[in-house]
């Protein structure tokens, strides 16, 4: 199982949706709240090729994108193989 990292903020509905999707698949993830930590927001933007919105989801070293991207992978049946590595 690949490691999953999700950059979030507390007031973000899409962040909560992404976490619900991952939790529904029993996927553990490291959550990094960027709202109160500008250094982590900069880290996220570097890893996400300049994207500054949350959530930003990473599976291993692969940048998945935001919630819409994560949900699209799930609909296409591509999320489980990505998570499995």
PDB file of N, CA and C in Angstrom:
ATOM      1  N   UNK A   1       0.845  -1.187   0.000  1.00  0.00           N
ATOM      2  CA  UNK A   1       0.000   0.000   0.000  1.00  0.00           C
ATOM      3  C   UNK A   1       0.883   1.239   0.000  1.00  0.00           C
ATOM      4  N   UNK A   2       0.618   2.123  -0.923  1.00  0.00           N
ATOM      5  CA  UNK A   2       1.365   3.369  -1.032  1.00  0.00           C
ATOM      6  C   UNK A   2       1.005   4.298   0.130  1.00  0.00           C
ATOM      7  N   UNK A   3       1.931   5.156   0.517  1.00  0.00           N
ATOM      8  CA  UNK A   3       1.618   6.174   1.513  1.00  0.00           C
ATOM      9  C   UNK A   3       0.800   7.273   0.841  1.00  0.00           C
ATOM     10  N   UNK A   4      -0.131   7.847   1.590  1.00  0.00           N
ATOM     11  CA  UNK A   4      -0.996   8.898   1.064  1.00  0.00           C
ATOM     12  C   UNK A   4      -0.826  10.133   1.937  1.00  0.00           C
ATOM     13  N   UNK A   5      -0.646  11.276   1.293  1.00  0.00           N
ATOM     14  CA  UNK A   5      -0.560  12.558   1.979  1.00  0.00           C
ATOM     15  C   UNK A   5      -1.621  13.468   1.389  1.00  0.00           C
ATOM     16  N   UNK A   6      -2.337  14.167   2.266  1.00  0.00           N
ATOM     17  CA  UNK A   6      -3.356  15.103   1.806  1.00  0.00           C
ATOM     18  C   UNK A   6      -3.153  16.434   2.521  1.00  0.00           C
ATOM     19  N   UNK A   7      -3.003  17.474   1.723  1.00  0.00           N
ATOM     20  CA  UNK A   7      -2.879  18.833   2.255  1.00  0.00           C
ATOM     21  C   UNK A   7      -4.288  19.415   2.325  1.00  0.00           C
ATOM     22  N   UNK A   8      -4.657  19.955   3.481  1.00  0.00           N
ATOM     23  CA  UNK A   8      -6.024  20.393   3.719  1.00  0.00           C
ATOM     24  C   UNK A   8      -6.066  21.724   4.452  1.00  0.00           C
ATOM     25  N   UNK A   9      -7.289  22.222   4.622  1.00  0.00           N
ATOM     26  CA  UNK A   9      -7.568  23.278   5.591  1.00  0.00           C
ATOM     27  C   UNK A   9      -8.890  22.916   6.260  1.00  0.00           C
ATOM     28  N   UNK A  10      -9.103  23.415   7.453  1.00  0.00           N
ATOM     29  CA  UNK A  10     -10.235  22.977   8.268  1.00  0.00           C
ATOM     30  C   UNK A  10     -11.590  23.333   7.665  1.00  0.00           C
ATOM     31  N   UNK A  11     -11.686  24.442   6.958  1.00  0.00           N
ATOM     32  CA  UNK A  11     -12.976  24.919   6.481  1.00  0.00           C
ATOM     33  C   UNK A  11     -13.282  24.510   5.046  1.00  0.00           C
ATOM     34  N   UNK A  12     -12.557  23.555   4.534  1.00  0.00           N
ATOM     35  CA  UNK A  12     -12.662  23.158   3.131  1.00  0.00           C
ATOM     36  C   UNK A  12     -13.570  21.937   2.976  1.00  0.00           C
ATOM     37  N   UNK A  13     -14.715  22.124   2.343  1.00  0.00           N
ATOM     38  CA  UNK A  13     -15.634  21.016   2.120  1.00  0.00           C
ATOM     39  C   UNK A  13     -15.062  19.933   1.231  1.00  0.00           C
ATOM     40  N   UNK A  14     -14.311  20.328   0.214  1.00  0.00           N
ATOM     41  CA  UNK A  14     -13.699  19.336  -0.667  1.00  0.00           C
ATOM     42  C   UNK A  14     -12.646  18.509   0.060  1.00  0.00           C
ATOM     43  N   UNK A  15     -11.978  19.121   1.037  1.00  0.00           N
ATOM     44  CA  UNK A  15     -11.010  18.382   1.858  1.00  0.00           C
ATOM     45  C   UNK A  15     -11.725  17.290   2.644  1.00  0.00           C
ATOM     46  N   UNK A  16     -12.849  17.650   3.245  1.00  0.00           N
ATOM     47  CA  UNK A  16     -13.618  16.671   4.012  1.00  0.00           C
ATOM     48  C   UNK A  16     -14.131  15.554   3.103  1.00  0.00           C
ATOM     49  N   UNK A  17     -14.554  15.912   1.886  1.00  0.00           N
ATOM     50  CA  UNK A  17     -15.025  14.903   0.933  1.00  0.00           C
ATOM     51  C   UNK A  17     -13.897  13.949   0.539  1.00  0.00           C
ATOM     52  N   UNK A  18     -12.705  14.492   0.313  1.00  0.00           N
ATOM     53  CA  UNK A  18     -11.558  13.649  -0.055  1.00  0.00           C
ATOM     54  C   UNK A  18     -11.212  12.699   1.092  1.00  0.00           C
ATOM     55  N   UNK A  19     -11.238  13.214   2.313  1.00  0.00           N
ATOM     56  CA  UNK A  19     -10.927  12.360   3.473  1.00  0.00           C
ATOM     57  C   UNK A  19     -11.997  11.284   3.643  1.00  0.00           C
ATOM     58  N   UNK A  20     -13.273  11.639   3.404  1.00  0.00           N
ATOM     59  CA  UNK A  20     -14.348  10.634   3.498  1.00  0.00           C
ATOM     60  C   UNK A  20     -14.134   9.522   2.477  1.00  0.00           C
ATOM     61  N   UNK A  21     -13.757   9.905   1.251  1.00  0.00           N
ATOM     62  CA  UNK A  21     -13.520   8.904   0.215  1.00  0.00           C
ATOM     63  C   UNK A  21     -12.384   7.972   0.617  1.00  0.00           C
ATOM     64  N   UNK A  22     -11.286   8.535   1.088  1.00  0.00           N
ATOM     65  CA  UNK A  22     -10.151   7.707   1.510  1.00  0.00           C
ATOM     66  C   UNK A  22     -10.530   6.837   2.704  1.00  0.00           C
ATOM     67  N   UNK A  23     -11.254   7.410   3.665  1.00  0.00           N
ATOM     68  CA  UNK A  23     -11.677   6.624   4.836  1.00  0.00           C
ATOM     69  C   UNK A  23     -12.605   5.485   4.433  1.00  0.00           C
ATOM     70  N   UNK A  24     -13.462   5.719   3.439  1.00  0.00           N
ATOM     71  CA  UNK A  24     -14.393   4.668   3.002  1.00  0.00           C
ATOM     72  C   UNK A  24     -13.646   3.487   2.401  1.00  0.00           C
ATOM     73  N   UNK A  25     -12.413   3.714   1.966  1.00  0.00           N
ATOM     74  CA  UNK A  25     -11.580   2.653   1.399  1.00  0.00           C
ATOM     75  C   UNK A  25     -10.583   2.114   2.417  1.00  0.00           C
ATOM     76  N   UNK A  26     -10.743   2.542   3.688  1.00  0.00           N
ATOM     77  CA  UNK A  26      -9.828   2.141   4.761  1.00  0.00           C
ATOM     78  C   UNK A  26      -8.376   2.485   4.441  1.00  0.00           C
ATOM     79  N   UNK A  27      -8.187   3.644   3.825  1.00  0.00           N
ATOM     80  CA  UNK A  27      -6.842   4.121   3.484  1.00  0.00           C
ATOM     81  C   UNK A  27      -6.398   5.085   4.575  1.00  0.00           C
ATOM     82  N   UNK A  28      -5.268   4.788   5.194  1.00  0.00           N
ATOM     83  CA  UNK A  28      -4.726   5.734   6.168  1.00  0.00           C
ATOM     84  C   UNK A  28      -3.925   6.776   5.404  1.00  0.00           C
ATOM     85  N   UNK A  29      -3.910   7.996   5.938  1.00  0.00           N
ATOM     86  CA  UNK A  29      -3.224   9.082   5.251  1.00  0.00           C
ATOM     87  C   UNK A  29      -2.659  10.051   6.264  1.00  0.00           C
ATOM     88  N   UNK A  30      -1.619  10.752   5.826  1.00  0.00           N
ATOM     89  CA  UNK A  30      -1.046  11.842   6.606  1.00  0.00           C
ATOM     90  C   UNK A  30      -1.736  13.108   6.159  1.00  0.00           C
ATOM     91  N   UNK A  31      -2.337  13.815   7.098  1.00  0.00           N
ATOM     92  CA  UNK A  31      -3.024  15.062   6.788  1.00  0.00           C
ATOM     93  C   UNK A  31      -2.169  16.232   7.245  1.00  0.00           C
ATOM     94  N   UNK A  32      -1.967  17.181   6.347  1.00  0.00           N
ATOM     95  CA  UNK A  32      -1.182  18.373   6.660  1.00  0.00           C
ATOM     96  C   UNK A  32      -2.091  19.579   6.470  1.00  0.00           C
ATOM     97  N   UNK A  33      -2.403  20.254   7.573  1.00  0.00           N
ATOM     98  CA  UNK A  33      -3.255  21.440   7.534  1.00  0.00           C
ATOM     99  C   UNK A  33      -2.389  22.642   7.170  1.00  0.00           C
ATOM    100  N   UNK A  34      -2.657  23.235   6.015  1.00  0.00           N
ATOM    101  CA  UNK A  34      -1.836  24.348   5.544  1.00  0.00           C
ATOM    102  C   UNK A  34      -2.355  25.707   6.003  1.00  0.00           C
ATOM    103  N   UNK A  35      -3.538  25.729   6.611  1.00  0.00           N
ATOM    104  CA  UNK A  35      -4.164  26.999   6.965  1.00  0.00           C
ATOM    105  C   UNK A  35      -3.321  27.807   7.944  1.00  0.00           C
ATOM    106  N   UNK A  36      -2.764  27.143   8.928  1.00  0.00           N
ATOM    107  CA  UNK A  36      -1.996  27.832   9.946  1.00  0.00           C
ATOM    108  C   UNK A  36      -0.492  27.685   9.760  1.00  0.00           C
ATOM    109  N   UNK A  37      -0.088  27.088   8.652  1.00  0.00           N
ATOM    110  CA  UNK A  37       1.325  26.799   8.466  1.00  0.00           C
ATOM    111  C   UNK A  37       1.782  27.187   7.056  1.00  0.00           C
ATOM    112  N   UNK A  38       2.209  28.429   6.873  1.00  0.00           N
ATOM    113  CA  UNK A  38       2.617  28.885   5.538  1.00  0.00           C
ATOM    114  C   UNK A  38       3.763  28.077   4.932  1.00  0.00           C
ATOM    115  N   UNK A  39       4.643  27.538   5.760  1.00  0.00           N
ATOM    116  CA  UNK A  39       5.739  26.717   5.229  1.00  0.00           C
ATOM    117  C   UNK A  39       5.201  25.469   4.550  1.00  0.00           C
ATOM    118  N   UNK A  40       4.197  24.857   5.154  1.00  0.00           N
ATOM    119  CA  UNK A  40       3.598  23.653   4.575  1.00  0.00           C
ATOM    120  C   UNK A  40       2.823  23.989   3.301  1.00  0.00           C
ATOM    121  N   UNK A  41       2.207  25.197   3.256  1.00  0.00           N
ATOM    122  CA  UNK A  41       1.518  25.615   2.020  1.00  0.00           C
ATOM    123  C   UNK A  41       2.539  25.755   0.888  1.00  0.00           C
ATOM    124  N   UNK A  42       3.702  26.332   1.182  1.00  0.00           N
ATOM    125  CA  UNK A  42       4.755  26.451   0.167  1.00  0.00           C
ATOM    126  C   UNK A  42       5.227  25.073  -0.283  1.00  0.00           C
ATOM    127  N   UNK A  43       5.386  24.163   0.673  1.00  0.00           N
ATOM    128  CA  UNK A  43       5.785  22.791   0.348  1.00  0.00           C
ATOM    129  C   UNK A  43       4.757  22.158  -0.587  1.00  0.00           C
ATOM    130  N   UNK A  44       3.473  22.334  -0.245  1.00  0.00           N
ATOM    131  CA  UNK A  44       2.401  21.774  -1.068  1.00  0.00           C
ATOM    132  C   UNK A  44       2.454  22.341  -2.481  1.00  0.00           C
ATOM    133  N   UNK A  45       2.627  23.653  -2.595  1.00  0.00           N
ATOM    134  CA  UNK A  45       2.646  24.289  -3.911  1.00  0.00           C
ATOM    135  C   UNK A  45       3.827  23.801  -4.753  1.00  0.00           C
ATOM    136  N   UNK A  46       4.975  23.577  -4.119  1.00  0.00           N
ATOM    137  CA  UNK A  46       6.127  23.046  -4.847  1.00  0.00           C
ATOM    138  C   UNK A  46       5.839  21.630  -5.336  1.00  0.00           C
ATOM    139  N   UNK A  47       5.292  20.809  -4.453  1.00  0.00           N
ATOM    140  CA  UNK A  47       5.002  19.416  -4.827  1.00  0.00           C
ATOM    141  C   UNK A  47       3.899  19.330  -5.877  1.00  0.00           C
ATOM    142  N   UNK A  48       2.956  20.291  -5.836  1.00  0.00           N
ATOM    143  CA  UNK A  48       1.778  20.252  -6.716  1.00  0.00           C
ATOM    144  C   UNK A  48       1.947  21.138  -7.952  1.00  0.00           C
ATOM    145  N   UNK A  49       3.185  21.435  -8.309  1.00  0.00           N
ATOM    146  CA  UNK A  49       3.467  22.224  -9.513  1.00  0.00           C
ATOM    147  C   UNK A  49       2.725  23.555  -9.531  1.00  0.00           C
ATOM    148  N   UNK A  50       2.712  24.228  -8.365  1.00  0.00           N
ATOM    149  CA  UNK A  50       2.137  25.561  -8.289  1.00  0.00           C
ATOM    150  C   UNK A  50       0.667  25.621  -7.908  1.00  0.00           C
ATOM    151  N   UNK A  51       0.001  24.489  -7.857  1.00  0.00           N
ATOM    152  CA  UNK A  51      -1.413  24.506  -7.462  1.00  0.00           C
ATOM    153  C   UNK A  51      -1.494  24.945  -6.004  1.00  0.00           C
ATOM    154  N   UNK A  52      -2.411  25.854  -5.729  1.00  0.00           N
ATOM    155  CA  UNK A  52      -2.466  26.436  -4.388  1.00  0.00           C
ATOM    156  C   UNK A  52      -3.769  26.152  -3.653  1.00  0.00           C
ATOM    157  N   UNK A  53      -4.710  25.474  -4.302  1.00  0.00           N
ATOM    158  CA  UNK A  53      -5.972  25.168  -3.643  1.00  0.00           C
ATOM    159  C   UNK A  53      -5.857  23.852  -2.890  1.00  0.00           C
ATOM    160  N   UNK A  54      -6.692  23.694  -1.889  1.00  0.00           N
ATOM    161  CA  UNK A  54      -6.751  22.442  -1.147  1.00  0.00           C
ATOM    162  C   UNK A  54      -8.074  21.759  -1.466  1.00  0.00           C
ATOM    163  N   UNK A  55      -8.119  20.447  -1.365  1.00  0.00           N
ATOM    164  CA  UNK A  55      -7.019  19.561  -0.999  1.00  0.00           C
ATOM    165  C   UNK A  55      -6.077  19.318  -2.173  1.00  0.00           C
ATOM    166  N   UNK A  56      -4.875  18.912  -1.839  1.00  0.00           N
ATOM    167  CA  UNK A  56      -3.940  18.354  -2.811  1.00  0.00           C
ATOM    168  C   UNK A  56      -3.557  16.979  -2.274  1.00  0.00           C
ATOM    169  N   UNK A  57      -3.774  15.968  -3.090  1.00  0.00           N
ATOM    170  CA  UNK A  57      -3.590  14.580  -2.671  1.00  0.00           C
ATOM    171  C   UNK A  57      -2.400  13.980  -3.398  1.00  0.00           C
ATOM    172  N   UNK A  58      -1.572  13.291  -2.628  1.00  0.00           N
ATOM    173  CA  UNK A  58      -0.410  12.584  -3.172  1.00  0.00           C
ATOM    174  C   UNK A  58      -0.488  11.126  -2.745  1.00  0.00           C
ATOM    175  N   UNK A  59      -0.287  10.231  -3.702  1.00  0.00           N
ATOM    176  CA  UNK A  59      -0.184   8.802  -3.418  1.00  0.00           C
ATOM    177  C   UNK A  59       1.251   8.423  -3.731  1.00  0.00           C
ATOM    178  N   UNK A  60       2.016   8.127  -2.689  1.00  0.00           N
ATOM    179  CA  UNK A  60       3.454   7.966  -2.878  1.00  0.00           C
ATOM    180  C   UNK A  60       4.008   9.290  -3.383  1.00  0.00           C
ATOM    181  N   UNK A  61       4.742   9.261  -4.474  1.00  0.00           N
ATOM    182  CA  UNK A  61       5.275  10.483  -5.077  1.00  0.00           C
ATOM    183  C   UNK A  61       4.379  11.011  -6.199  1.00  0.00           C
ATOM    184  N   UNK A  62       3.252  10.342  -6.440  1.00  0.00           N
ATOM    185  CA  UNK A  62       2.352  10.732  -7.523  1.00  0.00           C
ATOM    186  C   UNK A  62       1.378  11.791  -7.054  1.00  0.00           C
ATOM    187  N   UNK A  63       1.346  12.923  -7.756  1.00  0.00           N
ATOM    188  CA  UNK A  63       0.391  13.985  -7.451  1.00  0.00           C
ATOM    189  C   UNK A  63      -0.932  13.638  -8.119  1.00  0.00           C
ATOM    190  N   UNK A  64      -1.937  13.340  -7.300  1.00  0.00           N
ATOM    191  CA  UNK A  64      -3.264  13.009  -7.818  1.00  0.00           C
ATOM    192  C   UNK A  64      -4.001  14.285  -8.202  1.00  0.00           C
ATOM    193  N   UNK A  65      -3.910  15.305  -7.351  1.00  0.00           N
ATOM    194  CA  UNK A  65      -4.624  16.555  -7.575  1.00  0.00           C
ATOM    195  C   UNK A  65      -5.597  16.805  -6.444  1.00  0.00           C
ATOM    196  N   UNK A  66      -6.717  17.428  -6.773  1.00  0.00           N
ATOM    197  CA  UNK A  66      -7.722  17.754  -5.772  1.00  0.00           C
ATOM    198  C   UNK A  66      -8.790  16.683  -5.652  1.00  0.00           C
ATOM    199  N   UNK A  67      -9.887  17.043  -4.980  1.00  0.00           N
ATOM    200  CA  UNK A  67     -10.957  16.065  -4.766  1.00  0.00           C
ATOM    201  C   UNK A  67     -11.547  15.585  -6.086  1.00  0.00           C
ATOM    202  N   UNK A  68     -11.791  16.493  -7.023  1.00  0.00           N
ATOM    203  CA  UNK A  68     -12.384  16.086  -8.302  1.00  0.00           C
ATOM    204  C   UNK A  68     -11.510  15.055  -9.004  1.00  0.00           C
ATOM    205  N   UNK A  69     -10.202  15.248  -8.944  1.00  0.00           N
ATOM    206  CA  UNK A  69      -9.268  14.306  -9.567  1.00  0.00           C
ATOM    207  C   UNK A  69      -9.304  12.948  -8.859  1.00  0.00           C
ATOM    208  N   UNK A  70      -9.357  12.999  -7.531  1.00  0.00           N
ATOM    209  CA  UNK A  70      -9.412  11.773  -6.729  1.00  0.00           C
ATOM    210  C   UNK A  70     -10.696  11.002  -7.032  1.00  0.00           C
ATOM    211  N   UNK A  71     -11.832  11.713  -7.058  1.00  0.00           N
ATOM    212  CA  UNK A  71     -13.122  11.082  -7.331  1.00  0.00           C
ATOM    213  C   UNK A  71     -13.166  10.512  -8.752  1.00  0.00           C
ATOM    214  N   UNK A  72     -12.551  11.211  -9.704  1.00  0.00           N
ATOM    215  CA  UNK A  72     -12.514  10.715 -11.085  1.00  0.00           C
ATOM    216  C   UNK A  72     -11.738   9.409 -11.171  1.00  0.00           C
ATOM    217  N   UNK A  73     -10.608   9.332 -10.467  1.00  0.00           N
ATOM    218  CA  UNK A  73      -9.844   8.073 -10.446  1.00  0.00           C
ATOM    219  C   UNK A  73     -10.685   6.947  -9.865  1.00  0.00           C
ATOM    220  N   UNK A  74     -11.432   7.243  -8.823  1.00  0.00           N
ATOM    221  CA  UNK A  74     -12.293   6.229  -8.206  1.00  0.00           C
ATOM    222  C   UNK A  74     -13.359   5.767  -9.198  1.00  0.00           C
ATOM    223  N   UNK A  75     -14.013   6.696  -9.882  1.00  0.00           N
ATOM    224  CA  UNK A  75     -15.060   6.344 -10.860  1.00  0.00           C
ATOM    225  C   UNK A  75     -14.500   5.508 -12.008  1.00  0.00           C
ATOM    226  N   UNK A  76     -13.264   5.785 -12.391  1.00  0.00           N
ATOM    227  CA  UNK A  76     -12.634   5.071 -13.513  1.00  0.00           C
ATOM    228  C   UNK A  76     -12.021   3.734 -13.086  1.00  0.00           C
ATOM    229  N   UNK A  77     -12.091   3.427 -11.786  1.00  0.00           N
ATOM    230  CA  UNK A  77     -11.505   2.185 -11.302  1.00  0.00           C
ATOM    231  C   UNK A  77      -9.987   2.218 -11.231  1.00  0.00           C
ATOM    232  N   UNK A  78      -9.406   3.417 -11.239  1.00  0.00           N
ATOM    233  CA  UNK A  78      -7.950   3.540 -11.255  1.00  0.00           C
ATOM    234  C   UNK A  78      -7.350   3.867  -9.887  1.00  0.00           C
ATOM    235  N   UNK A  79      -8.204   4.186  -8.908  1.00  0.00           N
ATOM    236  CA  UNK A  79      -7.675   4.580  -7.605  1.00  0.00           C
ATOM    237  C   UNK A  79      -7.086   3.393  -6.845  1.00  0.00           C
ATOM    238  N   UNK A  80      -7.805   2.270  -6.819  1.00  0.00           N
ATOM    239  CA  UNK A  80      -7.310   1.105  -6.085  1.00  0.00           C
ATOM    240  C   UNK A  80      -5.958   0.623  -6.585  1.00  0.00           C
ATOM    241  N   UNK A  81      -5.765   0.492  -7.915  1.00  0.00           N
ATOM    242  CA  UNK A  81      -4.430   0.080  -8.382  1.00  0.00           C
ATOM    243  C   UNK A  81      -3.342   1.089  -8.017  1.00  0.00           C
ATOM    244  N   UNK A  82      -3.660   2.390  -8.051  1.00  0.00           N
ATOM    245  CA  UNK A  82      -2.681   3.409  -7.674  1.00  0.00           C
ATOM    246  C   UNK A  82      -2.318   3.264  -6.202  1.00  0.00           C
ATOM    247  N   UNK A  83      -3.322   3.062  -5.356  1.00  0.00           N
ATOM    248  CA  UNK A  83      -3.075   2.901  -3.930  1.00  0.00           C
ATOM    249  C   UNK A  83      -2.257   1.642  -3.640  1.00  0.00           C
ATOM    250  N   UNK A  84      -2.518   0.592  -4.405  1.00  0.00           N
ATOM    251  CA  UNK A  84      -1.813  -0.673  -4.196  1.00  0.00           C
ATOM    252  C   UNK A  84      -0.338  -0.560  -4.585  1.00  0.00           C
ATOM    253  N   UNK A  85      -0.054   0.374  -5.487  1.00  0.00           N
ATOM    254  CA  UNK A  85       1.328   0.587  -5.906  1.00  0.00           C
ATOM    255  C   UNK A  85       1.723  -0.392  -6.941  1.00  0.00           C
TER     256      UNK A  85
END
